[in-house]
PDB file of N, CA and C in Angstrom:
ATOM      1  N   MET A   1       0.830  -1.200  -0.002  1.00  0.00           N
ATOM      2  CA  MET A   1      -0.001   0.002  -0.004  1.00  0.00           C
ATOM      3  C   MET A   1       0.859   1.253  -0.002  1.00  0.00           C
ATOM      4  N   GLY A   2       2.030   1.198   0.647  1.00  0.00           N
ATOM      5  CA  GLY A   2       2.890   2.362   0.711  1.00  0.00           C
ATOM      6  C   GLY A   2       3.337   2.842  -0.661  1.00  0.00           C
ATOM      7  N   CYS A   3       3.663   1.936  -1.555  1.00  0.00           N
ATOM      8  CA  CYS A   3       4.083   2.319  -2.902  1.00  0.00           C
ATOM      9  C   CYS A   3       2.949   3.000  -3.668  1.00  0.00           C
ATOM     10  N   PHE A   4       1.718   2.510  -3.486  1.00  0.00           N
ATOM     11  CA  PHE A   4       0.571   3.120  -4.150  1.00  0.00           C
ATOM     12  C   PHE A   4       0.405   4.558  -3.687  1.00  0.00           C
ATOM     13  N   GLU A   5       0.529   4.780  -2.386  1.00  0.00           N
ATOM     14  CA  GLU A   5       0.374   6.136  -1.857  1.00  0.00           C
ATOM     15  C   GLU A   5       1.445   7.058  -2.429  1.00  0.00           C
ATOM     16  N   MET A   6       2.666   6.602  -2.497  1.00  0.00           N
ATOM     17  CA  MET A   6       3.734   7.422  -3.013  1.00  0.00           C
ATOM     18  C   MET A   6       3.500   7.717  -4.494  1.00  0.00           C
ATOM     19  N   SER A   7       3.083   6.712  -5.254  1.00  0.00           N
ATOM     20  CA  SER A   7       2.845   6.899  -6.669  1.00  0.00           C
ATOM     21  C   SER A   7       1.720   7.908  -6.888  1.00  0.00           C
ATOM     22  N   ARG A   8       0.646   7.789  -6.134  1.00  0.00           N
ATOM     23  CA  ARG A   8      -0.474   8.708  -6.270  1.00  0.00           C
ATOM     24  C   ARG A   8      -0.023  10.134  -5.954  1.00  0.00           C
ATOM     25  N   HIS A   9       0.768  10.298  -4.895  1.00  0.00           N
ATOM     26  CA  HIS A   9       1.248  11.619  -4.499  1.00  0.00           C
ATOM     27  C   HIS A   9       2.140  12.215  -5.599  1.00  0.00           C
ATOM     28  N   THR A  10       3.027  11.410  -6.128  1.00  0.00           N
ATOM     29  CA  THR A  10       3.927  11.877  -7.180  1.00  0.00           C
ATOM     30  C   THR A  10       3.141  12.291  -8.411  1.00  0.00           C
ATOM     31  N   ARG A  11       2.156  11.490  -8.794  1.00  0.00           N
ATOM     32  CA  ARG A  11       1.340  11.809  -9.962  1.00  0.00           C
ATOM     33  C   ARG A  11       0.599  13.116  -9.727  1.00  0.00           C
ATOM     34  N   ARG A  12       0.074  13.306  -8.550  1.00  0.00           N
ATOM     35  CA  ARG A  12      -0.665  14.524  -8.235  1.00  0.00           C
ATOM     36  C   ARG A  12       0.250  15.743  -8.329  1.00  0.00           C
ATOM     37  N   MET A  13       1.436  15.636  -7.828  1.00  0.00           N
ATOM     38  CA  MET A  13       2.376  16.747  -7.882  1.00  0.00           C
ATOM     39  C   MET A  13       2.675  17.116  -9.336  1.00  0.00           C
ATOM     40  N   THR A  14       2.917  16.128 -10.174  1.00  0.00           N
ATOM     41  CA  THR A  14       3.227  16.380 -11.569  1.00  0.00           C
ATOM     42  C   THR A  14       2.054  17.016 -12.282  1.00  0.00           C
ATOM     43  N   ASN A  15       0.860  16.498 -12.052  1.00  0.00           N
ATOM     44  CA  ASN A  15      -0.319  16.994 -12.735  1.00  0.00           C
ATOM     45  C   ASN A  15      -0.808  18.327 -12.186  1.00  0.00           C
ATOM     46  N   SER A  16      -0.321  18.757 -11.044  1.00  0.00           N
ATOM     47  CA  SER A  16      -0.799  20.004 -10.453  1.00  0.00           C
ATOM     48  C   SER A  16      -0.123  21.241 -11.047  1.00  0.00           C
ATOM     49  N   THR A  17       0.993  21.066 -11.731  1.00  0.00           N
ATOM     50  CA  THR A  17       1.728  22.214 -12.257  1.00  0.00           C
ATOM     51  C   THR A  17       0.880  23.088 -13.168  1.00  0.00           C
ATOM     52  N   PRO A  18       0.167  22.535 -14.158  1.00  0.00           N
ATOM     53  CA  PRO A  18      -0.675  23.416 -14.985  1.00  0.00           C
ATOM     54  C   PRO A  18      -1.746  24.143 -14.164  1.00  0.00           C
ATOM     55  N   THR A  19      -2.303  23.483 -13.158  1.00  0.00           N
ATOM     56  CA  THR A  19      -3.315  24.104 -12.310  1.00  0.00           C
ATOM     57  C   THR A  19      -2.724  25.295 -11.574  1.00  0.00           C
ATOM     58  N   ILE A  20      -1.557  25.127 -11.039  1.00  0.00           N
ATOM     59  CA  ILE A  20      -0.907  26.228 -10.320  1.00  0.00           C
ATOM     60  C   ILE A  20      -0.677  27.413 -11.267  1.00  0.00           C
ATOM     61  N   LEU A  21      -0.200  27.124 -12.464  1.00  0.00           N
ATOM     62  CA  LEU A  21       0.060  28.188 -13.424  1.00  0.00           C
ATOM     63  C   LEU A  21      -1.216  28.934 -13.795  1.00  0.00           C
ATOM     64  N   ILE A  22      -2.298  28.196 -13.978  1.00  0.00           N
ATOM     65  CA  ILE A  22      -3.599  28.822 -14.300  1.00  0.00           C
ATOM     66  C   ILE A  22      -3.997  29.791 -13.194  1.00  0.00           C
ATOM     67  N   TRP A  23      -3.921  29.350 -11.939  1.00  0.00           N
ATOM     68  CA  TRP A  23      -4.381  30.188 -10.840  1.00  0.00           C
ATOM     69  C   TRP A  23      -3.419  31.317 -10.510  1.00  0.00           C
ATOM     70  N   VAL A  24      -2.136  31.124 -10.772  1.00  0.00           N
ATOM     71  CA  VAL A  24      -1.180  32.232 -10.618  1.00  0.00           C
ATOM     72  C   VAL A  24      -1.512  33.309 -11.660  1.00  0.00           C
ATOM     73  N   ASN A  25      -1.847  32.887 -12.870  1.00  0.00           N
ATOM     74  CA  ASN A  25      -2.239  33.860 -13.891  1.00  0.00           C
ATOM     75  C   ASN A  25      -3.521  34.586 -13.498  1.00  0.00           C
ATOM     76  N   GLN A  26      -4.475  33.877 -12.910  1.00  0.00           N
ATOM     77  CA  GLN A  26      -5.709  34.512 -12.436  1.00  0.00           C
ATOM     78  C   GLN A  26      -5.394  35.508 -11.320  1.00  0.00           C
ATOM     79  N   TYR A  27      -4.486  35.121 -10.436  1.00  0.00           N
ATOM     80  CA  TYR A  27      -4.068  36.021  -9.362  1.00  0.00           C
ATOM     81  C   TYR A  27      -3.444  37.298  -9.934  1.00  0.00           C
ATOM     82  N   LYS A  28      -2.587  37.148 -10.939  1.00  0.00           N
ATOM     83  CA  LYS A  28      -1.966  38.313 -11.574  1.00  0.00           C
ATOM     84  C   LYS A  28      -3.021  39.186 -12.253  1.00  0.00           C
ATOM     85  N   LYS A  29      -3.998  38.549 -12.874  1.00  0.00           N
ATOM     86  CA  LYS A  29      -5.087  39.299 -13.498  1.00  0.00           C
ATOM     87  C   LYS A  29      -5.857  40.073 -12.426  1.00  0.00           C
ATOM     88  N   TYR A  30      -6.106  39.432 -11.279  1.00  0.00           N
ATOM     89  CA  TYR A  30      -6.775  40.086 -10.155  1.00  0.00           C
ATOM     90  C   TYR A  30      -5.985  41.327  -9.727  1.00  0.00           C
ATOM     91  N   GLN A  31      -4.675  41.191  -9.586  1.00  0.00           N
ATOM     92  CA  GLN A  31      -3.833  42.315  -9.197  1.00  0.00           C
ATOM     93  C   GLN A  31      -3.934  43.457 -10.216  1.00  0.00           C
ATOM     94  N   GLN A  32      -3.922  43.113 -11.494  1.00  0.00           N
ATOM     95  CA  GLN A  32      -4.020  44.137 -12.539  1.00  0.00           C
ATOM     96  C   GLN A  32      -5.354  44.870 -12.465  1.00  0.00           C
ATOM     97  N   LEU A  33      -6.425  44.133 -12.220  1.00  0.00           N
ATOM     98  CA  LEU A  33      -7.738  44.759 -12.112  1.00  0.00           C
ATOM     99  C   LEU A  33      -7.764  45.748 -10.946  1.00  0.00           C
ATOM    100  N   ILE A  34      -7.176  45.357  -9.830  1.00  0.00           N
ATOM    101  CA  ILE A  34      -7.100  46.251  -8.660  1.00  0.00           C
ATOM    102  C   ILE A  34      -6.309  47.514  -9.022  1.00  0.00           C
ATOM    103  N   GLU A  35      -5.156  47.314  -9.656  1.00  0.00           N
ATOM    104  CA  GLU A  35      -4.314  48.456 -10.039  1.00  0.00           C
ATOM    105  C   GLU A  35      -5.033  49.399 -10.993  1.00  0.00           C
ATOM    106  N   GLN A  36      -5.902  48.849 -11.832  1.00  0.00           N
ATOM    107  CA  GLN A  36      -6.637  49.659 -12.803  1.00  0.00           C
ATOM    108  C   GLN A  36      -7.898  50.273 -12.204  1.00  0.00           C
ATOM    109  N   GLY A  37      -8.175  49.962 -10.943  1.00  0.00           N
ATOM    110  CA  GLY A  37      -9.349  50.493 -10.286  1.00  0.00           C
ATOM    111  C   GLY A  37     -10.651  49.816 -10.671  1.00  0.00           C
ATOM    112  N   LEU A  38     -10.554  48.642 -11.268  1.00  0.00           N
ATOM    113  CA  LEU A  38     -11.741  47.894 -11.691  1.00  0.00           C
ATOM    114  C   LEU A  38     -12.163  46.946 -10.568  1.00  0.00           C
ATOM    115  N   THR A  39     -12.662  47.555  -9.492  1.00  0.00           N
ATOM    116  CA  THR A  39     -12.925  46.791  -8.281  1.00  0.00           C
ATOM    117  C   THR A  39     -14.075  45.788  -8.422  1.00  0.00           C
ATOM    118  N   ASP A  40     -15.088  46.113  -9.223  1.00  0.00           N
ATOM    119  CA  ASP A  40     -16.188  45.152  -9.407  1.00  0.00           C
ATOM    120  C   ASP A  40     -15.697  43.881 -10.086  1.00  0.00           C
ATOM    121  N   GLU A  41     -14.933  44.052 -11.164  1.00  0.00           N
ATOM    122  CA  GLU A  41     -14.381  42.894 -11.869  1.00  0.00           C
ATOM    123  C   GLU A  41     -13.416  42.130 -10.973  1.00  0.00           C
ATOM    124  N   ALA A  42     -12.605  42.855 -10.220  1.00  0.00           N
ATOM    125  CA  ALA A  42     -11.640  42.227  -9.306  1.00  0.00           C
ATOM    126  C   ALA A  42     -12.376  41.428  -8.239  1.00  0.00           C
ATOM    127  N   SER A  43     -13.472  41.950  -7.738  1.00  0.00           N
ATOM    128  CA  SER A  43     -14.245  41.257  -6.711  1.00  0.00           C
ATOM    129  C   SER A  43     -14.805  39.929  -7.217  1.00  0.00           C
ATOM    130  N   VAL A  44     -15.301  39.941  -8.449  1.00  0.00           N
ATOM    131  CA  VAL A  44     -15.817  38.709  -9.043  1.00  0.00           C
ATOM    132  C   VAL A  44     -14.696  37.680  -9.191  1.00  0.00           C
ATOM    133  N   LEU A  45     -13.549  38.119  -9.674  1.00  0.00           N
ATOM    134  CA  LEU A  45     -12.416  37.209  -9.845  1.00  0.00           C
ATOM    135  C   LEU A  45     -11.910  36.714  -8.495  1.00  0.00           C
ATOM    136  N   LYS A  46     -11.884  37.578  -7.496  1.00  0.00           N
ATOM    137  CA  LYS A  46     -11.443  37.176  -6.162  1.00  0.00           C
ATOM    138  C   LYS A  46     -12.357  36.079  -5.607  1.00  0.00           C
ATOM    139  N   THR A  47     -13.645  36.220  -5.839  1.00  0.00           N
ATOM    140  CA  THR A  47     -14.592  35.187  -5.382  1.00  0.00           C
ATOM    141  C   THR A  47     -14.299  33.857  -6.060  1.00  0.00           C
ATOM    142  N   GLU A  48     -14.026  33.889  -7.363  1.00  0.00           N
ATOM    143  CA  GLU A  48     -13.696  32.652  -8.083  1.00  0.00           C
ATOM    144  C   GLU A  48     -12.431  32.020  -7.518  1.00  0.00           C
ATOM    145  N   ILE A  49     -11.436  32.845  -7.269  1.00  0.00           N
ATOM    146  CA  ILE A  49     -10.179  32.340  -6.706  1.00  0.00           C
ATOM    147  C   ILE A  49     -10.411  31.770  -5.315  1.00  0.00           C
ATOM    148  N   ASP A  50     -11.136  32.515  -4.473  1.00  0.00           N
ATOM    149  CA  ASP A  50     -11.447  32.041  -3.119  1.00  0.00           C
ATOM    150  C   ASP A  50     -12.122  30.676  -3.126  1.00  0.00           C
ATOM    151  N   GLU A  51     -13.032  30.477  -4.077  1.00  0.00           N
ATOM    152  CA  GLU A  51     -13.748  29.211  -4.151  1.00  0.00           C
ATOM    153  C   GLU A  51     -12.854  28.074  -4.653  1.00  0.00           C
ATOM    154  N   ALA A  52     -11.905  28.396  -5.514  1.00  0.00           N
ATOM    155  CA  ALA A  52     -11.048  27.363  -6.100  1.00  0.00           C
ATOM    156  C   ALA A  52      -9.910  26.926  -5.182  1.00  0.00           C
ATOM    157  N   LEU A  53      -9.378  27.841  -4.403  1.00  0.00           N
ATOM    158  CA  LEU A  53      -8.173  27.532  -3.621  1.00  0.00           C
ATOM    159  C   LEU A  53      -8.303  26.292  -2.740  1.00  0.00           C
ATOM    160  N   PRO A  54      -9.364  26.140  -1.970  1.00  0.00           N
ATOM    161  CA  PRO A  54      -9.453  24.923  -1.151  1.00  0.00           C
ATOM    162  C   PRO A  54      -9.508  23.631  -1.995  1.00  0.00           C
ATOM    163  N   LEU A  55     -10.061  23.719  -3.172  1.00  0.00           N
ATOM    164  CA  LEU A  55     -10.186  22.542  -4.041  1.00  0.00           C
ATOM    165  C   LEU A  55      -8.857  22.124  -4.635  1.00  0.00           C
ATOM    166  N   ILE A  56      -7.929  23.056  -4.753  1.00  0.00           N
ATOM    167  CA  ILE A  56      -6.625  22.745  -5.341  1.00  0.00           C
ATOM    168  C   ILE A  56      -5.511  22.790  -4.308  1.00  0.00           C
ATOM    169  N   ASP A  57      -5.879  22.834  -3.043  1.00  0.00           N
ATOM    170  CA  ASP A  57      -4.908  22.809  -1.939  1.00  0.00           C
ATOM    171  C   ASP A  57      -3.892  23.937  -2.014  1.00  0.00           C
ATOM    172  N   LEU A  58      -4.348  25.131  -2.335  1.00  0.00           N
ATOM    173  CA  LEU A  58      -3.491  26.314  -2.352  1.00  0.00           C
ATOM    174  C   LEU A  58      -4.101  27.407  -1.498  1.00  0.00           C
ATOM    175  N   THR A  59      -3.280  28.388  -1.156  1.00  0.00           N
ATOM    176  CA  THR A  59      -3.740  29.547  -0.393  1.00  0.00           C
ATOM    177  C   THR A  59      -3.363  30.808  -1.166  1.00  0.00           C
ATOM    178  N   TRP A  60      -3.905  31.953  -0.720  1.00  0.00           N
ATOM    179  CA  TRP A  60      -3.505  33.230  -1.326  1.00  0.00           C
ATOM    180  C   TRP A  60      -2.011  33.425  -1.188  1.00  0.00           C
ATOM    181  N   LYS A  61      -1.459  33.020  -0.043  1.00  0.00           N
ATOM    182  CA  LYS A  61      -0.012  33.163   0.172  1.00  0.00           C
ATOM    183  C   LYS A  61       0.768  32.346  -0.865  1.00  0.00           C
ATOM    184  N   ASP A  62       0.276  31.139  -1.186  1.00  0.00           N
ATOM    185  CA  ASP A  62       0.916  30.326  -2.219  1.00  0.00           C
ATOM    186  C   ASP A  62       0.925  31.057  -3.566  1.00  0.00           C
ATOM    187  N   LEU A  63      -0.223  31.647  -3.918  1.00  0.00           N
ATOM    188  CA  LEU A  63      -0.327  32.374  -5.181  1.00  0.00           C
ATOM    189  C   LEU A  63       0.603  33.582  -5.189  1.00  0.00           C
ATOM    190  N   GLU A  64       0.633  34.317  -4.078  1.00  0.00           N
ATOM    191  CA  GLU A  64       1.507  35.490  -3.982  1.00  0.00           C
ATOM    192  C   GLU A  64       2.968  35.082  -4.158  1.00  0.00           C
ATOM    193  N   GLN A  65       3.355  33.991  -3.497  1.00  0.00           N
ATOM    194  CA  GLN A  65       4.743  33.525  -3.578  1.00  0.00           C
ATOM    195  C   GLN A  65       5.073  33.056  -4.997  1.00  0.00           C
ATOM    196  N   ALA A  66       4.184  32.286  -5.594  1.00  0.00           N
ATOM    197  CA  ALA A  66       4.427  31.776  -6.951  1.00  0.00           C
ATOM    198  C   ALA A  66       4.478  32.931  -7.957  1.00  0.00           C
ATOM    199  N   ALA A  67       3.615  33.908  -7.793  1.00  0.00           N
ATOM    200  CA  ALA A  67       3.613  35.062  -8.691  1.00  0.00           C
ATOM    201  C   ALA A  67       4.911  35.853  -8.527  1.00  0.00           C
ATOM    202  N   SER A  68       5.347  36.007  -7.308  1.00  0.00           N
ATOM    203  CA  SER A  68       6.586  36.723  -7.024  1.00  0.00           C
ATOM    204  C   SER A  68       7.784  35.974  -7.593  1.00  0.00           C
ATOM    205  N   ASP A  69       7.844  34.678  -7.376  1.00  0.00           N
ATOM    206  CA  ASP A  69       8.939  33.854  -7.892  1.00  0.00           C
ATOM    207  C   ASP A  69       8.951  33.862  -9.411  1.00  0.00           C
ATOM    208  N   GLY A  70       7.763  33.736  -9.999  1.00  0.00           N
ATOM    209  CA  GLY A  70       7.646  33.696 -11.456  1.00  0.00           C
ATOM    210  C   GLY A  70       8.016  34.991 -12.115  1.00  0.00           C
ATOM    211  N   SER A  71       7.652  36.093 -11.494  1.00  0.00           N
ATOM    212  CA  SER A  71       7.956  37.393 -12.114  1.00  0.00           C
ATOM    213  C   SER A  71       9.452  37.681 -12.086  1.00  0.00           C
ATOM    214  N   ASN A  72      10.159  37.059 -11.151  1.00  0.00           N
ATOM    215  CA  ASN A  72      11.602  37.273 -11.075  1.00  0.00           C
ATOM    216  C   ASN A  72      12.377  36.393 -12.048  1.00  0.00           C
ATOM    217  N   SER A  73      11.737  35.314 -12.534  1.00  0.00           N
ATOM    218  CA  SER A  73      12.487  34.371 -13.366  1.00  0.00           C
ATOM    219  C   SER A  73      12.025  34.327 -14.808  1.00  0.00           C
ATOM    220  N   LEU A  74      10.917  34.986 -15.144  1.00  0.00           N
ATOM    221  CA  LEU A  74      10.422  34.938 -16.499  1.00  0.00           C
ATOM    222  C   LEU A  74      11.063  36.045 -17.335  1.00  0.00           C
ATOM    223  N   PRO A  75      11.453  35.720 -18.561  1.00  0.00           N
ATOM    224  CA  PRO A  75      12.037  36.758 -19.428  1.00  0.00           C
ATOM    225  C   PRO A  75      11.024  37.865 -19.705  1.00  0.00           C
ATOM    226  N   GLY A  76      11.477  39.080 -19.744  1.00  0.00           N
ATOM    227  CA  GLY A  76      10.603  40.201 -20.066  1.00  0.00           C
ATOM    228  C   GLY A  76       9.851  40.752 -18.893  1.00  0.00           C
ATOM    229  N   ASN A  77      10.046  40.206 -17.695  1.00  0.00           N
ATOM    230  CA  ASN A  77       9.368  40.718 -16.493  1.00  0.00           C
ATOM    231  C   ASN A  77      10.350  41.316 -15.528  1.00  0.00           C
TER     232      ASN A  77
END
């Protein structure tokens, strides 16, 4: 049973990368909306993010960290 658990965990980690990228992009979009003063649109997006985070085992802090790390390592940013 131990090998099955490890395999499942490893598979989940590998398959979660696109999900993280999607939500980091949504987080960045949320930040842009706030900066542009589009608070109604930002509020709707924030609600979507709030609802998704528990389902994907992430927090706002995770998104903030990933966005910060990504902006420092991506070309053109």
